[in-house]
Amino acid sequence: MGGLTVTGTGDPYPFDLITMGRIGVDLYPLATGVPLAEAETFGRFLGGSPANVAVAAARLGRRAALISRTGADPFGAYLRTELRGFGVDDRWVTEVAGLPTPITFCEMFPPDRFPLYFYRLPKAPDLEIAADEVDLEAVRAARVFWMTGTGLSEEPSRSAALAALEARGRSGTTVFDLDWRPMLWREKPQPYYERALAHATVAVGNQEECEIATGESEPYAAARALLAAGVELAVVKRGPEGVLAVHRDGTSVEARPVEVEVVNGLGAGDAFGGALCHGLLAGWELGRVVRYANAAGAIVASRLACSSAMPFSHEVEEVLGRAGGV
């Protein structure tokens, strides 16, 4: 399962974005407010936060790829087909024999309760990425590299993720999505989060995730702690209170949430992430980046699915226009 380096393009940055980590099938009830025990019909969607972030960026016109693993089963084939359909390069999404492709169910009780049920046993294939299988040349060359906390939860994925971060050498934009999923950890995450933050240039997380990483949950204190841990930009998602972004140069932005009727809030963070990468790649000032990402997240929160709900640029701009500016 060795990597394939992109060559012959004449572009020193073959990919705008490479994400690494979780992928799986989301099975969501087709009605909100219905517990799983009573749901009769489900929609099937590509899922997994790093996969969704790549889809979100591709929807905004960025050349994106994913490093992950699936089972050698029909669901794995489905996921690779979906990635290609969304315009995400799947060359580094390969099969692991003997492990099933993960499935995630959710219940949807808007506006703020969306319980998740992960089926990742005996082990998720995306945790079987080995360090010697990662195309480090391509990872170094990507303009943005995005990895998540879940990828640090078990070996060999942990060593692969840290090797990728070290290969970056803090070049370009390297994003650590704190992505705290307690049910997927068997040991304390803090030592591994510290190592990842030392190699990242951007950290993104909600207040609970920031507390896991730094011990601080108050937004400004958490942002300062993330900067002290090594990143250049700390992005603290505050749910209904919006987003705080603080840069090492002293720039600080607080963005209010975009008001929508919430249907399913689960994909909003991934849409935010893909749009954040898009804005950083475009070189926008920090306030515009955060407002744009906020709008993208709000659009997905107003829709049922995650991956297929990711907005196109004209949809984000329309929402920003209604909200009073870009």
Protein backbone atom coordinates (compact mmCIF):
# COMPACT_ATOMS: atom_id res chain seq x y z
CA MET A 1 0.00 0.00 0.00
CA GLY A 2 2.80 2.41 -0.83
CA GLY A 3 2.10 6.00 -1.79
CA LEU A 4 2.20 7.46 -5.26
CA THR A 5 3.87 10.81 -5.64
CA VAL A 6 2.31 13.31 -8.01
CA THR A 7 4.85 14.23 -10.66
CA GLY A 8 4.93 15.93 -14.00
CA THR A 9 2.45 18.67 -13.14
CA GLY A 10 4.99 21.48 -13.06
CA ASP A 11 3.34 22.60 -9.82
CA PRO A 12 5.54 22.61 -6.69
CA TYR A 13 2.33 22.15 -4.66
CA PRO A 14 0.45 19.34 -6.42
CA PHE A 15 -2.42 19.44 -3.91
CA ASP A 16 -3.96 22.44 -2.22
CA LEU A 17 -5.01 20.17 0.63
CA ILE A 18 -4.22 16.68 1.87
CA THR A 19 -6.22 15.39 4.83
CA MET A 20 -5.40 12.26 6.80
CA GLY A 21 -7.50 10.03 9.02
CA ARG A 22 -11.04 8.84 9.54
CA ILE A 23 -13.42 7.68 6.82
CA GLY A 24 -16.60 5.63 7.07
CA VAL A 25 -20.24 5.31 6.14
CA ASP A 26 -22.79 7.54 7.85
CA LEU A 27 -26.28 6.06 8.19
CA TYR A 28 -28.71 8.78 9.22
CA PRO A 29 -32.48 8.52 9.80
CA LEU A 30 -34.33 10.39 7.08
CA ALA A 31 -36.49 12.10 9.71
CA THR A 32 -35.39 14.32 12.57
CA GLY A 33 -36.60 13.87 16.12
CA VAL A 34 -36.85 10.07 15.71
CA PRO A 35 -34.76 7.79 17.98
CA LEU A 36 -32.83 5.02 16.26
CA ALA A 37 -35.04 2.39 17.86
CA GLU A 38 -37.99 3.82 15.95
CA ALA A 39 -36.32 4.90 12.69
CA GLU A 40 -37.41 2.94 9.62
CA THR A 41 -35.56 4.63 6.75
CA PHE A 42 -31.96 5.76 6.56
CA GLY A 43 -29.77 7.70 4.16
CA ARG A 44 -26.27 6.47 3.36
CA PHE A 45 -23.49 9.06 3.09
CA LEU A 46 -19.72 9.30 3.01
CA GLY A 47 -18.53 10.24 6.50
CA GLY A 48 -15.48 10.77 8.68
CA SER A 49 -14.22 14.23 9.54
CA PRO A 50 -11.00 14.32 7.44
CA ALA A 51 -12.89 12.91 4.45
CA ASN A 52 -15.59 15.56 4.84
CA VAL A 53 -13.03 18.37 5.16
CA ALA A 54 -11.48 17.25 1.86
CA VAL A 55 -14.94 17.18 0.23
CA ALA A 56 -15.72 20.65 1.61
CA ALA A 57 -12.52 22.09 0.15
CA ALA A 58 -13.07 20.36 -3.20
CA ARG A 59 -16.57 21.86 -3.38
CA LEU A 60 -14.91 25.28 -3.07
CA GLY A 61 -12.61 24.56 -6.00
CA ARG A 62 -9.54 23.25 -4.20
CA ARG A 63 -7.51 20.23 -5.32
CA ALA A 64 -7.86 17.86 -2.38
CA ALA A 65 -6.75 14.33 -1.49
CA LEU A 66 -7.30 11.99 1.45
CA ILE A 67 -4.95 9.53 3.16
CA SER A 68 -7.05 6.80 4.77
CA ARG A 69 -8.01 3.11 4.78
CA THR A 70 -11.26 1.20 4.31
CA GLY A 71 -12.26 -2.41 4.64
CA ALA A 72 -12.02 -4.71 1.60
CA ASP A 73 -15.79 -4.73 1.33
CA PRO A 74 -18.64 -3.10 -0.63
CA PHE A 75 -18.85 -0.15 1.76
CA GLY A 76 -15.17 0.59 1.12
CA ALA A 77 -15.77 0.55 -2.63
CA TYR A 78 -18.74 2.87 -2.10
CA LEU A 79 -16.61 5.37 -0.18
CA ARG A 80 -13.90 5.53 -2.83
CA THR A 81 -16.53 6.05 -5.51
CA GLU A 82 -18.08 8.84 -3.46
CA LEU A 83 -14.72 10.55 -2.94
CA ARG A 84 -14.03 10.57 -6.65
CA GLY A 85 -17.53 11.85 -7.33
CA PHE A 86 -16.91 14.77 -5.01
CA GLY A 87 -13.61 15.54 -6.74
CA VAL A 88 -11.33 14.22 -3.98
CA ASP A 89 -8.27 12.22 -5.06
CA ASP A 90 -8.48 8.74 -3.49
CA ARG A 91 -5.09 7.32 -4.52
CA TRP A 92 -4.06 6.98 -0.84
CA VAL A 93 -7.34 5.42 0.30
CA THR A 94 -6.59 1.70 0.24
CA GLU A 95 -8.09 -1.49 1.63
CA VAL A 96 -7.23 -3.40 4.80
CA ALA A 97 -8.12 -7.08 4.68
CA GLY A 98 -10.00 -8.51 7.64
CA LEU A 99 -11.36 -5.24 9.04
CA PRO A 100 -14.82 -3.90 8.15
CA THR A 101 -15.40 -0.39 6.87
CA PRO A 102 -16.68 1.64 9.85
CA ILE A 103 -20.32 2.68 10.13
CA THR A 104 -21.65 5.61 12.16
CA PHE A 105 -25.28 6.13 13.14
CA CYS A 106 -26.69 9.31 14.58
CA GLU A 107 -29.90 10.52 16.11
CA MET A 108 -31.04 14.02 15.21
CA PHE A 109 -32.80 16.11 17.83
CA PRO A 110 -32.37 19.72 16.66
CA PRO A 111 -31.16 22.21 17.53
CA ASP A 112 -28.32 20.85 19.64
CA ARG A 113 -28.56 17.12 20.41
CA PHE A 114 -27.06 14.74 17.86
CA PRO A 115 -25.84 11.53 19.59
CA LEU A 116 -23.33 9.50 17.58
CA TYR A 117 -22.88 5.73 17.62
CA PHE A 118 -19.54 4.57 16.19
CA TYR A 119 -19.13 1.00 14.93
CA ARG A 120 -15.35 0.71 14.57
CA LEU A 121 -14.64 -2.76 16.00
CA PRO A 122 -12.53 -4.81 16.16
CA LYS A 123 -10.50 -1.89 14.80
CA ALA A 124 -11.12 0.79 12.21
CA PRO A 125 -9.06 0.39 9.01
CA ASP A 126 -8.15 4.10 9.13
CA LEU A 127 -6.14 3.37 12.28
CA GLU A 128 -4.03 0.89 10.30
CA ILE A 129 -2.15 3.57 8.32
CA ALA A 130 1.55 2.81 8.82
CA ALA A 131 4.32 5.41 8.73
CA ASP A 132 6.21 3.66 5.92
CA GLU A 133 3.06 3.73 3.76
CA VAL A 134 2.66 7.51 3.82
CA ASP A 135 3.89 9.42 0.78
CA LEU A 136 5.87 11.96 2.76
CA GLU A 137 7.02 13.79 -0.37
CA ALA A 138 3.41 14.53 -1.29
CA VAL A 139 2.59 15.49 2.30
CA ARG A 140 5.49 17.95 2.33
CA ALA A 141 4.46 19.40 -1.02
CA ALA A 142 0.80 20.02 -0.16
CA ARG A 143 -0.04 23.65 0.51
CA VAL A 144 -2.19 22.57 3.48
CA PHE A 145 -1.97 19.35 5.46
CA TRP A 146 -4.84 18.49 7.84
CA MET A 147 -4.79 15.74 10.48
CA THR A 148 -7.01 14.93 13.46
CA GLY A 149 -6.82 13.85 17.07
CA THR A 150 -8.51 10.54 16.34
CA GLY A 151 -5.54 9.55 14.19
CA LEU A 152 -3.37 9.74 17.32
CA SER A 153 -5.56 7.38 19.34
CA GLU A 154 -3.90 4.09 18.32
CA GLU A 155 -0.86 2.63 16.58
CA PRO A 156 0.22 2.43 13.81
CA SER A 157 -1.87 5.48 12.83
CA ARG A 158 -0.33 7.51 15.66
CA SER A 159 3.23 7.06 14.39
CA ALA A 160 2.10 7.69 10.81
CA ALA A 161 0.41 10.96 11.75
CA LEU A 162 3.39 12.17 13.76
CA ALA A 163 5.77 11.20 10.94
CA ALA A 164 3.66 13.21 8.50
CA LEU A 165 3.71 16.21 10.83
CA GLU A 166 7.47 15.96 11.28
CA ALA A 167 7.93 15.68 7.51
CA ARG A 168 6.07 18.95 7.06
CA GLY A 169 8.69 20.74 9.15
CA ARG A 170 6.10 23.48 9.84
CA SER A 171 6.14 24.36 6.13
CA GLY A 172 3.04 25.70 4.46
CA THR A 173 -0.10 25.42 6.60
CA THR A 174 -0.29 22.40 8.89
CA VAL A 175 -3.62 22.02 10.70
CA PHE A 176 -4.24 19.92 13.78
CA ASP A 177 -7.98 19.37 14.23
CA LEU A 178 -8.22 18.48 17.92
CA ASP A 179 -11.20 16.18 17.16
CA TRP A 180 -11.65 14.69 20.64
CA ARG A 181 -13.74 11.49 20.57
CA PRO A 182 -13.41 9.99 24.07
CA MET A 183 -14.99 6.65 23.11
CA LEU A 184 -12.13 6.05 20.66
CA TRP A 185 -9.29 6.45 23.19
CA ARG A 186 -7.83 3.90 25.61
CA GLU A 187 -5.16 6.13 27.15
CA LYS A 188 -4.59 9.77 27.99
CA PRO A 189 -4.35 11.87 24.80
CA GLN A 190 -2.45 14.86 26.20
CA PRO A 191 1.13 13.69 25.48
CA TYR A 192 0.27 13.00 21.85
CA TYR A 193 -1.67 16.23 21.46
CA GLU A 194 1.38 18.11 22.77
CA ARG A 195 3.62 16.47 20.19
CA ALA A 196 1.19 17.26 17.38
CA LEU A 197 0.78 20.90 18.44
CA ALA A 198 4.56 21.35 18.38
CA HIS A 199 4.54 20.56 14.65
CA ALA A 200 1.28 22.28 13.64
CA THR A 201 0.85 25.88 12.52
CA VAL A 202 -2.95 25.96 13.05
CA ALA A 203 -5.07 24.34 15.77
CA VAL A 204 -8.86 24.04 15.48
CA GLY A 205 -11.20 22.77 18.18
CA ASN A 206 -14.26 23.42 20.29
CA GLN A 207 -13.99 24.43 23.93
CA GLU A 208 -14.12 20.87 25.24
CA GLU A 209 -11.40 19.78 22.80
CA CYS A 210 -9.25 22.77 23.75
CA GLU A 211 -9.55 21.80 27.41
CA ILE A 212 -8.41 18.26 26.61
CA ALA A 213 -5.41 19.63 24.70
CA THR A 214 -4.40 22.50 26.99
CA GLY A 215 -6.36 22.30 30.26
CA GLU A 216 -8.09 25.58 29.37
CA SER A 217 -11.73 25.91 28.30
CA GLU A 218 -12.26 29.69 28.48
CA PRO A 219 -11.87 30.72 24.82
CA TYR A 220 -9.14 33.36 25.15
CA ALA A 221 -7.19 31.33 27.69
CA ALA A 222 -7.47 28.27 25.44
CA ALA A 223 -6.29 30.24 22.41
CA ARG A 224 -3.29 31.59 24.34
CA ALA A 225 -2.44 28.07 25.53
CA LEU A 226 -2.57 26.72 21.97
CA LEU A 227 -0.27 29.50 20.78
CA ALA A 228 2.09 28.72 23.65
CA ALA A 229 2.08 25.07 22.56
CA GLY A 230 3.55 26.09 19.21
CA VAL A 231 0.87 26.99 16.66
CA GLU A 232 0.64 30.30 14.79
CA LEU A 233 -3.17 30.42 14.66
CA ALA A 234 -5.66 29.14 17.26
CA VAL A 235 -9.30 28.71 16.25
CA VAL A 236 -11.73 28.06 19.10
CA LYS A 237 -15.26 27.07 18.06
CA ARG A 238 -17.82 28.28 20.60
CA GLY A 239 -21.04 26.73 19.30
CA PRO A 240 -23.96 29.18 19.53
CA GLU A 241 -21.56 31.96 20.57
CA GLY A 242 -19.59 31.84 17.32
CA VAL A 243 -15.85 31.46 16.77
CA LEU A 244 -12.72 33.01 18.21
CA ALA A 245 -9.51 33.10 16.16
CA VAL A 246 -6.24 34.43 17.58
CA HIS A 247 -2.99 34.74 15.60
CA ARG A 248 0.48 34.88 17.07
CA ASP A 249 0.94 38.34 15.50
CA GLY A 250 -1.72 39.69 17.86
CA THR A 251 -4.66 39.65 15.45
CA SER A 252 -7.84 38.51 17.17
CA VAL A 253 -11.24 37.95 15.56
CA GLU A 254 -14.58 37.05 17.11
CA ALA A 255 -17.21 36.00 14.57
CA ARG A 256 -20.87 35.69 15.45
CA PRO A 257 -22.73 32.58 14.30
CA VAL A 258 -24.89 32.70 11.20
CA GLU A 259 -28.48 32.04 12.21
CA VAL A 260 -30.12 29.07 10.47
CA GLU A 261 -32.76 26.50 11.30
CA VAL A 262 -30.60 23.58 12.42
CA VAL A 263 -31.41 20.16 10.95
CA ASN A 264 -28.18 18.25 11.65
CA GLY A 265 -25.22 19.97 13.27
CA LEU A 266 -22.75 17.11 12.81
CA GLY A 267 -21.18 18.19 9.50
CA ALA A 268 -20.95 21.88 10.31
CA GLY A 269 -17.45 21.62 11.77
CA ASP A 270 -16.13 19.81 8.71
CA ALA A 271 -17.63 22.42 6.38
CA PHE A 272 -16.03 25.06 8.60
CA GLY A 273 -12.68 23.26 8.26
CA GLY A 274 -12.76 22.97 4.48
CA ALA A 275 -13.77 26.62 4.14
CA LEU A 276 -11.09 27.66 6.65
CA CYS A 277 -8.48 25.96 4.46
CA HIS A 278 -9.94 27.65 1.37
CA GLY A 279 -9.72 31.10 2.96
CA LEU A 280 -6.18 30.55 4.24
CA LEU A 281 -5.11 29.35 0.80
CA ALA A 282 -6.67 32.46 -0.74
CA GLY A 283 -4.63 34.67 1.58
CA TRP A 284 -7.65 36.50 2.97
CA GLU A 285 -7.45 38.57 6.14
CA LEU A 286 -8.37 36.58 9.22
CA GLY A 287 -11.80 38.13 9.78
CA ARG A 288 -12.96 37.24 6.29
CA VAL A 289 -11.61 33.69 6.61
CA VAL A 290 -13.53 33.06 9.83
CA ARG A 291 -16.77 34.66 8.61
CA TYR A 292 -16.62 32.59 5.42
CA ALA A 293 -15.97 29.38 7.34
CA ASN A 294 -18.79 30.21 9.76
CA ALA A 295 -21.22 30.63 6.86
CA ALA A 296 -20.17 27.32 5.30
CA GLY A 297 -20.73 25.55 8.60
CA ALA A 298 -24.15 27.13 9.02
CA ILE A 299 -25.26 25.94 5.58
CA VAL A 300 -24.43 22.33 6.39
CA ALA A 301 -26.11 22.56 9.81
CA SER A 302 -29.32 23.44 7.96
CA ARG A 303 -29.14 20.24 5.87
CA LEU A 304 -29.57 16.55 6.64
CA ALA A 305 -26.34 15.05 5.30
CA CYS A 306 -22.68 15.90 5.85
CA SER A 307 -20.56 15.19 2.76
CA SER A 308 -23.23 15.81 0.12
CA ALA A 309 -24.36 18.92 2.00
CA MET A 310 -21.03 20.72 1.65
CA PRO A 311 -21.66 24.10 -0.02
CA PHE A 312 -20.32 25.57 -3.22
CA SER A 313 -18.72 29.02 -3.13
CA HIS A 314 -21.76 30.81 -4.56
CA GLU A 315 -23.91 29.38 -1.75
CA VAL A 316 -21.50 30.62 0.91
CA GLU A 317 -21.31 34.05 -0.67
CA GLU A 318 -25.10 34.24 -0.82
CA VAL A 319 -25.38 33.50 2.91
CA LEU A 320 -22.67 36.05 3.68
CA GLY A 321 -24.49 38.63 1.61
CA ARG A 322 -27.69 38.07 3.58
CA ALA A 323 -25.71 38.28 6.82
CA GLY A 324 -24.32 41.66 5.83
CA GLY A 325 -20.96 41.21 4.20
CA VAL A 326 -17.94 39.08 3.34
